[in-house]
Amino acid sequence: MTRDILEQPAALLEPELRRKLVHIRDVLERWEISGINRKLQMKPTRWGGPGEGGPAEEVVLILK
């Protein structure tokens, strides 16, 4: 999903958002996430719709 978003023309993304997405992509692709002691978790911190039923607008990425 992150790769798909980054393939869009640069003019469609804010520079700060693009920088963050590149960072997320680099972290996720650098190491293999497998094994008993590996974990990737995305926790929503802000929601886009009313209540918690809408899409997440902001997430925290936790990689252990």
Protein backbone atom coordinates (compact mmCIF):
# COMPACT_ATOMS: atom_id res chain seq x y z
CA MET A 1 0.00 0.00 0.00
CA THR A 2 2.79 2.43 0.86
CA ARG A 3 4.55 1.67 -2.42
CA ASP A 4 1.33 2.31 -4.34
CA ILE A 5 0.88 5.72 -2.73
CA LEU A 6 4.50 6.67 -3.40
CA GLU A 7 4.12 5.77 -7.09
CA GLN A 8 1.68 8.66 -7.50
CA PRO A 9 3.09 11.88 -8.95
CA ALA A 10 5.00 13.88 -6.34
CA ALA A 11 2.73 16.89 -6.87
CA LEU A 12 -0.22 14.96 -5.38
CA LEU A 13 1.46 14.40 -2.00
CA GLU A 14 2.56 16.97 0.55
CA PRO A 15 6.36 16.87 0.96
CA GLU A 16 6.13 16.01 4.68
CA LEU A 17 3.70 13.13 4.04
CA ARG A 18 5.92 11.83 1.23
CA ARG A 19 8.96 11.94 3.54
CA LYS A 20 7.12 9.96 6.22
CA LEU A 21 5.87 7.36 3.73
CA VAL A 22 9.37 6.89 2.33
CA HIS A 23 10.63 6.37 5.88
CA ILE A 24 7.90 3.78 6.60
CA ARG A 25 8.66 1.97 3.34
CA ASP A 26 12.39 1.91 4.09
CA VAL A 27 11.88 0.50 7.59
CA LEU A 28 9.46 -2.19 6.41
CA GLU A 29 11.67 -3.29 3.51
CA ARG A 30 15.03 -3.20 5.30
CA TRP A 31 14.63 -6.35 7.39
CA GLU A 32 12.51 -9.48 7.11
CA ILE A 33 9.73 -9.36 9.67
CA SER A 34 9.37 -12.99 10.69
CA GLY A 35 10.10 -15.29 13.57
CA ILE A 36 8.80 -15.63 17.08
CA ASN A 37 10.19 -12.36 18.44
CA ARG A 38 9.23 -10.03 15.57
CA LYS A 39 6.16 -7.84 15.54
CA LEU A 40 4.81 -4.98 13.44
CA GLN A 41 1.85 -3.06 14.81
CA MET A 42 -0.01 -0.04 13.49
CA LYS A 43 -2.08 1.81 16.09
CA PRO A 44 -4.52 4.50 14.92
CA THR A 45 -4.18 7.76 16.85
CA ARG A 46 -6.70 9.89 14.94
CA TRP A 47 -9.83 8.91 13.06
CA GLY A 48 -11.25 10.60 9.96
CA GLY A 49 -14.96 9.95 10.38
CA PRO A 50 -17.40 10.38 13.22
CA GLY A 51 -16.40 8.21 16.16
CA GLU A 52 -14.06 5.30 15.54
CA GLY A 53 -15.98 4.03 12.52
CA GLY A 54 -14.18 6.13 9.91
CA PRO A 55 -10.76 5.54 8.38
CA ALA A 56 -7.62 6.23 10.38
CA GLU A 57 -5.98 9.55 9.49
CA GLU A 58 -2.91 9.09 11.68
CA VAL A 59 -1.17 5.96 12.95
CA VAL A 60 1.81 5.06 15.11
CA LEU A 61 4.07 2.37 13.64
CA ILE A 62 5.57 0.02 16.25
CA LEU A 63 8.24 -2.40 15.08
CA LYS A 64 9.71 -4.84 17.62
